Amino acid sequence: REAIIKNEIKPRNIIREKDIAAVFNYCQKALGIIT
């Protein structure tokens, strides 16, 4: 049971990293348009 819980948590962490990268890229583009 513990192994299953760990496997469920890992994909969520990967998704969060992708979301952070997407937000960071969006902010860079927004700053590029403003400046």
N, C-alpha and C. Protein backbone atom coordinates (compact mmCIF):
# COMPACT_ATOMS: atom_id res chain seq x y z
N ARG A 1 0.84 -1.21 0.00
CA ARG A 1 0.00 0.00 0.00
C ARG A 1 0.87 1.26 0.00
N GLU A 2 1.95 1.25 0.76
CA GLU A 2 2.82 2.43 0.81
C GLU A 2 3.46 2.72 -0.55
N ALA A 3 3.84 1.66 -1.25
CA ALA A 3 4.45 1.83 -2.58
C ALA A 3 3.47 2.48 -3.55
N ILE A 4 2.20 2.09 -3.48
CA ILE A 4 1.18 2.67 -4.36
C ILE A 4 1.02 4.17 -4.07
N ILE A 5 1.01 4.54 -2.82
CA ILE A 5 0.88 5.95 -2.45
C ILE A 5 2.05 6.76 -3.00
N LYS A 6 3.27 6.23 -2.87
CA LYS A 6 4.46 6.92 -3.39
C LYS A 6 4.37 7.11 -4.90
N ASN A 7 3.90 6.08 -5.62
CA ASN A 7 3.77 6.16 -7.07
C ASN A 7 2.73 7.20 -7.48
N GLU A 8 1.70 7.38 -6.67
CA GLU A 8 0.66 8.37 -6.98
C GLU A 8 1.18 9.79 -6.75
N ILE A 9 2.06 9.96 -5.76
CA ILE A 9 2.58 11.29 -5.44
C ILE A 9 3.59 11.76 -6.51
N LYS A 10 4.41 10.85 -7.01
CA LYS A 10 5.45 11.22 -7.98
C LYS A 10 4.89 11.93 -9.23
N PRO A 11 3.86 11.38 -9.91
CA PRO A 11 3.31 12.07 -11.09
C PRO A 11 2.82 13.48 -10.76
N ARG A 12 2.27 13.67 -9.57
CA ARG A 12 1.77 15.00 -9.18
C ARG A 12 2.93 15.98 -9.08
N ASN A 13 4.07 15.54 -8.56
CA ASN A 13 5.24 16.41 -8.45
C ASN A 13 5.76 16.79 -9.83
N ILE A 14 5.74 15.84 -10.77
CA ILE A 14 6.19 16.11 -12.15
C ILE A 14 5.27 17.15 -12.79
N ILE A 15 3.96 17.00 -12.59
CA ILE A 15 2.99 17.95 -13.15
C ILE A 15 3.24 19.35 -12.58
N ARG A 16 3.51 19.43 -11.27
CA ARG A 16 3.75 20.73 -10.65
C ARG A 16 4.98 21.40 -11.25
N GLU A 17 6.04 20.61 -11.49
CA GLU A 17 7.27 21.17 -12.09
C GLU A 17 6.97 21.72 -13.48
N LYS A 18 6.16 21.01 -14.26
CA LYS A 18 5.79 21.47 -15.61
C LYS A 18 4.97 22.75 -15.51
N ASP A 19 4.03 22.81 -14.55
CA ASP A 19 3.20 24.00 -14.38
C ASP A 19 4.06 25.21 -14.00
N ILE A 20 5.04 25.01 -13.10
CA ILE A 20 5.93 26.10 -12.69
C ILE A 20 6.73 26.59 -13.90
N ALA A 21 7.23 25.66 -14.71
CA ALA A 21 8.01 26.03 -15.90
C ALA A 21 7.13 26.80 -16.88
N ALA A 22 5.89 26.38 -17.05
CA ALA A 22 4.97 27.06 -17.97
C ALA A 22 4.67 28.47 -17.48
N VAL A 23 4.46 28.63 -16.18
CA VAL A 23 4.18 29.96 -15.61
C VAL A 23 5.42 30.85 -15.77
N PHE A 24 6.60 30.29 -15.52
CA PHE A 24 7.85 31.05 -15.64
C PHE A 24 8.04 31.53 -17.08
N ASN A 25 7.80 30.63 -18.06
CA ASN A 25 7.92 31.00 -19.48
C ASN A 25 6.90 32.07 -19.84
N TYR A 26 5.68 31.97 -19.31
CA TYR A 26 4.64 32.96 -19.58
C TYR A 26 5.05 34.33 -19.04
N CYS A 27 5.63 34.34 -17.83
CA CYS A 27 6.08 35.60 -17.22
C CYS A 27 7.20 36.22 -18.04
N GLN A 28 8.11 35.40 -18.54
CA GLN A 28 9.21 35.91 -19.37
C GLN A 28 8.66 36.57 -20.63
N LYS A 29 7.69 35.93 -21.27
CA LYS A 29 7.07 36.48 -22.48
C LYS A 29 6.35 37.79 -22.16
N ALA A 30 5.63 37.82 -21.03
CA ALA A 30 4.89 39.01 -20.64
C ALA A 30 5.87 40.17 -20.38
N LEU A 31 6.97 39.88 -19.71
CA LEU A 31 7.97 40.92 -19.44
C LEU A 31 8.61 41.40 -20.74
N GLY A 32 8.81 40.46 -21.67
CA GLY A 32 9.39 40.81 -22.98
C GLY A 32 8.48 41.76 -23.73
N ILE A 33 7.16 41.57 -23.64
CA ILE A 33 6.19 42.43 -24.32
C ILE A 33 6.17 43.81 -23.65
N ILE A 34 6.22 43.84 -22.32
CA ILE A 34 6.14 45.11 -21.57
C ILE A 34 7.37 45.98 -21.86
N THR A 35 8.56 45.35 -21.82
CA THR A 35 9.79 46.16 -21.97
C THR A 35 9.97 46.55 -23.42
